[in-house]
Amino acid sequence: MPKPTPTLRLLCGKIASGKSTLASKLAEAEFTVLISQDDWLSALFSDQMTTGADYLRCSEKLESIMGLHITSLLNAGTSVVLDFPANTVAQRAWMRRIIETTGAAHELHLLEVPDDICLSRLRERNAQGDHAFATTQEQFHQFSKHFVAPAQNEGFLIVTHSEK
């Protein structure tokens, strides 16, 4: 049986919208690896991240090396589920460059979940204490201000997952 075309699967949705849950399900596909931003940021920079600016600085640093790693995986024929937020035009531009460099197929999974559901999940996640980061309601709103849903002219194949 021939190996499937390598695909880069991306996730766009607010904090606690279900991106990591969906990423885990997508990563069950054969010849697929999951790369989680939260896992890497926690392991490498948790002691350096206390503000939104810290998050941006550390995530940009991570992207600089991960782009090369993801490109290598795709070029080797391995699909990647990238559990990094594709929530801004700039974040998606970085991902778009990987797609253009590799010629890999792609899917951008857009999770449309109302804020009240995200906040409820966030409270539950924080209470469980098993997530790499405990995000406050204030931080949720701060990051949500920067959320921009993908536009068709960005050139992504968008797969929408809506919750009411």
Foldseek 3Di string as FASTA:
>chain_A
DDADQAEEEAEADAAQLCLVVVLVVVQVDPLEDEDAPLVVCLVPPVVQDDDPVSVVVSVVVVLVVVLVVQLVSNLVRGYYYYNDHPFALVSVVSVVVSCVVNVGHYEYEYRAEDPVNSVVSLVVCVVVVPGSDNDDPVNSVVVVVRGDDDDVVSPHHYDYDYDD
